[in-house]
Amino acid sequence: AVSLGLMTGPIVAGFTLQFLPWRTLFLFTVPLGLIFFIIARRLIPRRQPASASTLYWPAALTWIMLLATTSLTITYASSPTWSKVNLAAMSSAVFLLLIFFIFIEKKAPFPLISNGLLRQRHVFSALLCAILAFMVLFAILVITPFFLDRVQNMSKIRIGMVMMAVPLATLILAPLAGWLYEYYSARQLSTLGLIMTTASAIMLSRTSPHISSPQIMAELALTGGGLAMFLSPNSASVLRWIERDNAGKAAALLATARNLGMVLGIGLASISFSHTFSLLTHGLDMKDFTPIHTRAFMSALQAVYLAAAGAGFVGTIISLLRGKRRT
């Protein structure tokens, strides 16, 4: 289901950007969100167990502020005009909010994040791996269309077609990964998936300005295939070994890990590219790109892919060291 959504996104965006302003993209989410909200309300059973807890708003609001401040800090850090003083202040705010959140969680009658789940090694390892896997994925997804647009001068529709290689590979391999989980451990399959995504980032780091579309699509497909091989077993391993009452909390933690990985991956790509490009062009930004800056663009692109590969390597090691039972 995730792959189908991701697969339609690039092609819809490609057609839209070819003929309409980019802000139009945001209008698509309004009717779609309303439609699926109504469908979810009608089809998803409402379960209210006897042990249902009440949302502790101080913790929830602090958590929202923490994530928002973290996202803004990452965004600001990716700007070539960033100030060390402002960045230090924003980073300090993130640190203080994190400390405050931990303090509130310890005192909360109903903690937002279950400490018991995080103390379980296989759960914590799976969450870390999910963060790192999505960092790799979104670092690649964010920067590659800029290369196809600025350097290869592809049309928006063609860019969408090329980028479909990632979700298409995920769509094909995700059921296979789920089936293989019945015979192999998540440790084996998730590690293999992270090796595949890391290998794809390394291959992409060797991209030349004149790379063919089939070649880059094959390398992007390896990224999507690796994610599929990682995601299903990694998520299933968490849900399989927890109590039924904690299934909702575990699923929420997995979703949080994925979204945090997305944010960090976008930040990783933005920071790696902007500062490398700015250094090589004496302070210019991507919006200032012209063909004479192609060499600097390619060096900055390589920096992003290698940074993504580094995150994938760390995730591979963590996955390899997780428990050897059926997790």
Protein backbone atom coordinates (compact mmCIF):
# COMPACT_ATOMS: atom_id res chain seq x y z
CA ALA A 1 0.00 0.00 0.00
CA VAL A 2 2.84 2.39 0.85
CA SER A 3 4.55 1.54 -2.43
CA LEU A 4 1.40 2.22 -4.45
CA GLY A 5 1.16 5.66 -2.88
CA LEU A 6 4.82 6.39 -3.46
CA MET A 7 4.59 5.08 -7.02
CA THR A 8 1.73 7.37 -8.01
CA GLY A 9 3.36 10.42 -6.38
CA PRO A 10 6.27 10.95 -8.81
CA ILE A 11 4.19 10.53 -11.96
CA VAL A 12 1.33 12.75 -10.70
CA ALA A 13 3.87 15.36 -9.59
CA GLY A 14 5.69 15.10 -12.92
CA PHE A 15 2.55 15.77 -14.97
CA THR A 16 1.45 18.53 -12.60
CA LEU A 17 4.77 20.36 -12.61
CA GLN A 18 4.95 20.12 -16.39
CA PHE A 19 1.83 22.25 -16.80
CA LEU A 20 0.97 23.92 -13.47
CA PRO A 21 2.80 25.89 -10.70
CA TRP A 22 4.52 23.76 -8.06
CA ARG A 23 2.21 25.03 -5.31
CA THR A 24 -0.61 23.09 -7.00
CA LEU A 25 0.94 19.90 -5.63
CA PHE A 26 -0.22 20.77 -2.13
CA LEU A 27 -3.84 21.05 -3.27
CA PHE A 28 -3.91 17.33 -4.11
CA THR A 29 -3.49 16.40 -0.45
CA VAL A 30 -6.68 18.17 0.66
CA PRO A 31 -9.33 16.11 -1.21
CA LEU A 32 -7.28 12.92 -0.89
CA GLY A 33 -6.89 13.42 2.85
CA LEU A 34 -10.62 14.00 3.28
CA ILE A 35 -11.56 10.99 1.14
CA PHE A 36 -9.34 8.57 3.01
CA PHE A 37 -10.33 10.05 6.36
CA ILE A 38 -13.95 9.19 5.57
CA ILE A 39 -13.00 5.72 4.31
CA ALA A 40 -10.91 5.05 7.43
CA ARG A 41 -13.75 6.17 9.71
CA ARG A 42 -16.12 3.77 7.99
CA LEU A 43 -13.89 0.71 7.52
CA ILE A 44 -11.39 0.61 10.39
CA PRO A 45 -12.92 -0.96 13.52
CA ARG A 46 -13.02 1.23 16.61
CA ARG A 47 -11.44 -0.66 19.50
CA GLN A 48 -11.56 0.80 22.99
CA PRO A 49 -9.94 -1.67 25.40
CA ALA A 50 -10.62 -1.56 29.10
CA SER A 51 -7.01 -0.55 29.74
CA ALA A 52 -7.17 2.45 27.38
CA SER A 53 -5.10 5.35 28.64
CA THR A 54 -5.67 9.07 28.42
CA LEU A 55 -3.35 11.18 26.30
CA TYR A 56 -1.06 13.20 28.56
CA TRP A 57 -1.09 16.55 26.80
CA PRO A 58 2.03 18.14 28.37
CA ALA A 59 4.15 15.28 27.01
CA ALA A 60 2.38 15.33 23.64
CA LEU A 61 2.83 19.09 23.16
CA THR A 62 6.49 18.92 24.23
CA TRP A 63 7.05 16.10 21.75
CA ILE A 64 5.49 18.17 18.95
CA MET A 65 7.66 21.17 19.85
CA LEU A 66 10.76 18.95 19.97
CA LEU A 67 10.18 17.49 16.49
CA ALA A 68 9.25 20.87 15.00
CA THR A 69 12.36 22.55 16.47
CA THR A 70 14.55 19.68 15.29
CA SER A 71 13.15 19.98 11.76
CA LEU A 72 13.67 23.75 11.71
CA THR A 73 17.23 23.36 13.01
CA ILE A 74 18.07 20.86 10.26
CA THR A 75 16.50 23.14 7.65
CA TYR A 76 18.44 26.16 8.92
CA ALA A 77 21.70 24.21 9.06
CA SER A 78 21.35 23.37 5.36
CA SER A 79 21.38 27.03 4.35
CA PRO A 80 24.74 28.34 3.08
CA THR A 81 24.05 31.62 4.90
CA TRP A 82 23.61 30.00 8.31
CA SER A 83 24.97 31.72 11.41
CA LYS A 84 26.94 29.70 13.96
CA VAL A 85 25.35 31.66 16.81
CA ASN A 86 21.78 31.05 15.61
CA LEU A 87 22.50 27.41 14.86
CA ALA A 88 23.97 26.94 18.33
CA ALA A 89 20.91 28.56 19.89
CA MET A 90 18.53 26.34 17.93
CA SER A 91 20.56 23.22 18.72
CA SER A 92 20.49 24.16 22.41
CA ALA A 93 16.71 24.52 22.21
CA VAL A 94 16.45 21.01 20.77
CA PHE A 95 18.63 19.62 23.56
CA LEU A 96 16.66 21.39 26.30
CA LEU A 97 13.32 20.24 24.84
CA LEU A 98 14.63 16.68 24.72
CA ILE A 99 15.68 16.82 28.38
CA PHE A 100 12.34 18.37 29.33
CA PHE A 101 10.44 15.71 27.39
CA ILE A 102 12.33 12.89 29.15
CA PHE A 103 11.60 14.52 32.52
CA ILE A 104 7.88 14.86 31.74
CA GLU A 105 7.68 11.29 30.44
CA LYS A 106 9.09 9.93 33.70
CA LYS A 107 6.40 11.77 35.67
CA ALA A 108 3.53 11.13 33.23
CA PRO A 109 0.68 8.87 34.41
CA PHE A 110 0.40 7.59 30.81
CA PRO A 111 3.77 7.95 29.01
CA LEU A 112 3.63 8.87 25.35
CA ILE A 113 6.51 6.50 24.56
CA SER A 114 6.66 3.17 26.36
CA ASN A 115 10.01 2.90 28.14
CA GLY A 116 9.47 -0.83 28.48
CA LEU A 117 9.45 -1.26 24.71
CA LEU A 118 12.58 0.81 24.21
CA ARG A 119 14.44 -1.26 26.80
CA GLN A 120 13.95 -4.37 24.68
CA ARG A 121 17.07 -4.78 22.59
CA HIS A 122 15.41 -6.08 19.45
CA VAL A 123 12.81 -3.27 19.49
CA PHE A 124 15.39 -0.54 20.01
CA SER A 125 17.67 -2.01 17.32
CA ALA A 126 14.78 -2.26 14.87
CA LEU A 127 13.81 1.38 15.48
CA LEU A 128 17.39 2.59 14.97
CA CYS A 129 17.68 0.56 11.78
CA ALA A 130 14.38 2.00 10.51
CA ILE A 131 15.61 5.54 11.12
CA LEU A 132 18.86 4.89 9.27
CA ALA A 133 17.20 3.01 6.40
CA PHE A 134 14.80 5.88 5.74
CA MET A 135 17.65 8.36 6.04
CA VAL A 136 19.36 6.58 3.14
CA LEU A 137 16.13 6.39 1.13
CA PHE A 138 15.13 10.02 1.49
CA ALA A 139 18.63 11.41 1.02
CA ILE A 140 18.58 9.65 -2.36
CA LEU A 141 14.97 10.58 -3.18
CA VAL A 142 15.48 14.27 -2.39
CA ILE A 143 18.68 14.94 -4.31
CA THR A 144 18.34 12.73 -7.40
CA PRO A 145 15.51 14.71 -9.09
CA PHE A 146 17.64 17.86 -8.87
CA PHE A 147 20.42 16.05 -10.75
CA LEU A 148 17.98 14.86 -13.42
CA ASP A 149 16.57 18.38 -13.75
CA ARG A 150 19.61 20.63 -13.50
CA VAL A 151 22.34 18.49 -15.05
CA GLN A 152 20.49 16.15 -17.41
CA ASN A 153 17.74 18.67 -18.30
CA MET A 154 14.97 16.06 -18.17
CA SER A 155 11.34 17.08 -18.45
CA LYS A 156 9.29 16.91 -15.27
CA ILE A 157 7.26 13.98 -16.61
CA ARG A 158 10.39 12.00 -17.45
CA ILE A 159 11.88 12.71 -14.01
CA GLY A 160 8.72 11.28 -12.48
CA MET A 161 9.04 8.16 -14.63
CA VAL A 162 12.69 7.65 -13.62
CA MET A 163 11.97 8.12 -9.92
CA MET A 164 9.18 5.52 -10.11
CA ALA A 165 11.94 2.89 -10.17
CA VAL A 166 12.21 3.12 -6.36
CA PRO A 167 8.58 2.45 -5.36
CA LEU A 168 8.07 0.00 -8.24
CA ALA A 169 10.92 -2.16 -6.95
CA THR A 170 9.54 -1.85 -3.41
CA LEU A 171 6.08 -2.87 -4.60
CA ILE A 172 7.44 -5.99 -6.30
CA LEU A 173 9.82 -7.14 -3.56
CA ALA A 174 7.84 -6.27 -0.40
CA PRO A 175 5.54 -9.33 -0.62
CA LEU A 176 8.58 -11.51 -1.32
CA ALA A 177 10.30 -10.14 1.78
CA GLY A 178 7.23 -10.90 3.86
CA TRP A 179 7.15 -14.46 2.52
CA LEU A 180 10.88 -14.96 3.15
CA TYR A 181 10.38 -13.86 6.77
CA GLU A 182 8.57 -17.14 7.35
CA TYR A 183 11.83 -18.96 6.62
CA TYR A 184 14.63 -16.55 7.56
CA SER A 185 15.18 -14.19 10.49
CA ALA A 186 14.64 -10.46 10.35
CA ARG A 187 18.31 -10.13 11.26
CA GLN A 188 19.28 -11.83 8.00
CA LEU A 189 16.71 -10.17 5.74
CA SER A 190 16.95 -6.67 7.20
CA THR A 191 20.73 -6.77 7.06
CA LEU A 192 20.54 -7.88 3.42
CA GLY A 193 18.15 -5.02 2.68
CA LEU A 194 20.44 -2.46 4.29
CA ILE A 195 23.41 -3.87 2.37
CA MET A 196 21.42 -3.39 -0.86
CA THR A 197 20.47 0.23 -0.07
CA THR A 198 24.04 1.02 1.00
CA ALA A 199 25.40 -0.54 -2.18
CA SER A 200 22.96 1.52 -4.25
CA ALA A 201 24.13 4.74 -2.55
CA ILE A 202 27.75 3.83 -3.30
CA MET A 203 26.89 3.08 -6.93
CA LEU A 204 25.01 6.38 -7.23
CA SER A 205 28.03 8.22 -5.81
CA ARG A 206 29.87 7.26 -9.02
CA THR A 207 27.19 8.91 -11.19
CA SER A 208 28.49 10.88 -14.16
CA PRO A 209 26.70 13.82 -15.81
CA HIS A 210 25.95 11.64 -18.84
CA ILE A 211 24.66 8.51 -17.08
CA SER A 212 21.88 6.78 -19.01
CA SER A 213 18.31 6.64 -17.71
CA PRO A 214 18.21 2.80 -17.59
CA GLN A 215 21.39 2.72 -15.49
CA ILE A 216 20.23 5.24 -12.93
CA MET A 217 16.82 3.55 -12.81
CA ALA A 218 18.54 0.22 -12.09
CA GLU A 219 20.52 1.80 -9.24
CA LEU A 220 17.37 3.45 -7.86
CA ALA A 221 15.55 0.12 -8.13
CA LEU A 222 18.26 -1.42 -5.96
CA THR A 223 17.47 1.26 -3.37
CA GLY A 224 13.76 0.44 -3.46
CA GLY A 225 14.39 -3.31 -3.43
CA GLY A 226 16.68 -3.00 -0.45
CA LEU A 227 14.08 -0.98 1.43
CA ALA A 228 11.44 -3.64 0.70
CA MET A 229 13.75 -6.42 1.87
CA PHE A 230 14.41 -4.46 5.06
CA LEU A 231 11.04 -2.97 5.96
CA SER A 232 8.60 -5.88 6.15
CA PRO A 233 10.80 -8.22 8.25
CA ASN A 234 12.03 -5.37 10.45
CA SER A 235 8.49 -4.23 11.29
CA ALA A 236 7.20 -7.78 11.71
CA SER A 237 10.04 -8.65 14.09
CA VAL A 238 8.95 -5.86 16.45
CA LEU A 239 5.26 -6.75 16.37
CA ARG A 240 5.86 -10.49 16.71
CA TRP A 241 7.68 -10.35 20.04
CA ILE A 242 5.56 -7.88 22.01
CA GLU A 243 2.40 -8.25 24.02
CA ARG A 244 -0.86 -7.64 22.18
CA ASP A 245 -1.72 -4.64 24.38
CA ASN A 246 1.50 -2.91 23.23
CA ALA A 247 0.94 -3.52 19.50
CA GLY A 248 -0.45 -0.02 18.93
CA LYS A 249 2.45 1.63 20.76
CA ALA A 250 4.99 -0.47 18.87
CA ALA A 251 3.39 0.38 15.52
CA ALA A 252 3.39 4.06 16.48
CA LEU A 253 7.09 3.89 17.37
CA LEU A 254 7.86 2.28 14.02
CA ALA A 255 5.92 5.02 12.22
CA THR A 256 7.76 7.67 14.24
CA ALA A 257 11.11 6.06 13.40
CA ARG A 258 10.27 6.07 9.69
CA ASN A 259 9.16 9.70 9.69
CA LEU A 260 12.14 10.77 11.78
CA GLY A 261 14.37 8.97 9.28
CA MET A 262 12.68 10.87 6.46
CA VAL A 263 13.31 14.23 8.14
CA LEU A 264 16.92 13.35 8.98
CA GLY A 265 17.51 12.00 5.46
CA ILE A 266 16.25 15.22 3.90
CA GLY A 267 18.43 17.17 6.33
CA LEU A 268 21.44 14.98 5.54
CA ALA A 269 20.99 15.56 1.81
CA SER A 270 20.40 19.30 2.21
CA ILE A 271 23.34 19.91 4.53
CA SER A 272 25.78 17.70 2.60
CA PHE A 273 24.88 19.21 -0.76
CA SER A 274 24.50 22.87 0.19
CA HIS A 275 27.73 23.17 2.13
CA THR A 276 29.79 21.23 -0.42
CA PHE A 277 28.34 23.21 -3.33
CA SER A 278 28.75 26.49 -1.47
CA LEU A 279 32.38 25.67 -0.64
CA LEU A 280 33.24 24.81 -4.25
CA THR A 281 31.40 27.80 -5.77
CA HIS A 282 32.43 30.42 -3.19
CA GLY A 283 29.06 30.82 -1.52
CA LEU A 284 26.53 29.99 -4.22
CA ASP A 285 23.32 28.04 -3.65
CA MET A 286 21.60 25.44 -5.85
CA LYS A 287 19.25 28.13 -7.17
CA ASP A 288 22.33 29.86 -8.64
CA PHE A 289 23.32 26.77 -10.65
CA THR A 290 24.35 27.19 -14.26
CA PRO A 291 26.08 24.65 -16.55
CA ILE A 292 29.50 26.04 -15.60
CA HIS A 293 28.89 24.75 -12.06
CA THR A 294 28.34 21.15 -13.20
CA ARG A 295 31.58 19.86 -11.70
CA ALA A 296 30.78 21.43 -8.32
CA PHE A 297 27.23 20.06 -8.53
CA MET A 298 28.53 16.54 -9.17
CA SER A 299 30.96 16.78 -6.23
CA ALA A 300 28.14 17.92 -3.94
CA LEU A 301 25.92 15.14 -5.30
CA GLN A 302 28.63 12.61 -4.53
CA ALA A 303 28.90 13.99 -0.98
CA VAL A 304 25.17 13.32 -0.44
CA TYR A 305 25.31 9.77 -1.74
CA LEU A 306 28.42 8.96 0.31
CA ALA A 307 26.80 10.41 3.44
CA ALA A 308 23.76 8.23 2.74
CA ALA A 309 26.04 5.22 2.30
CA GLY A 310 27.61 6.02 5.68
CA ALA A 311 24.20 5.98 7.35
CA GLY A 312 23.41 2.72 5.61
CA PHE A 313 26.68 1.18 6.79
CA VAL A 314 25.91 2.09 10.41
CA GLY A 315 22.42 0.61 10.04
CA THR A 316 23.88 -2.58 8.57
CA ILE A 317 26.18 -3.03 11.57
CA ILE A 318 23.34 -2.43 14.06
CA SER A 319 21.11 -4.89 12.21
CA LEU A 320 23.86 -7.48 12.08
CA LEU A 321 24.38 -7.24 15.85
CA ARG A 322 20.72 -7.54 16.81
CA GLY A 323 19.55 -10.69 18.59
CA LYS A 324 19.96 -13.96 16.73
CA ARG A 325 16.54 -15.41 17.54
CA ARG A 326 13.60 -14.87 15.16
CA THR A 327 14.25 -11.14 15.26
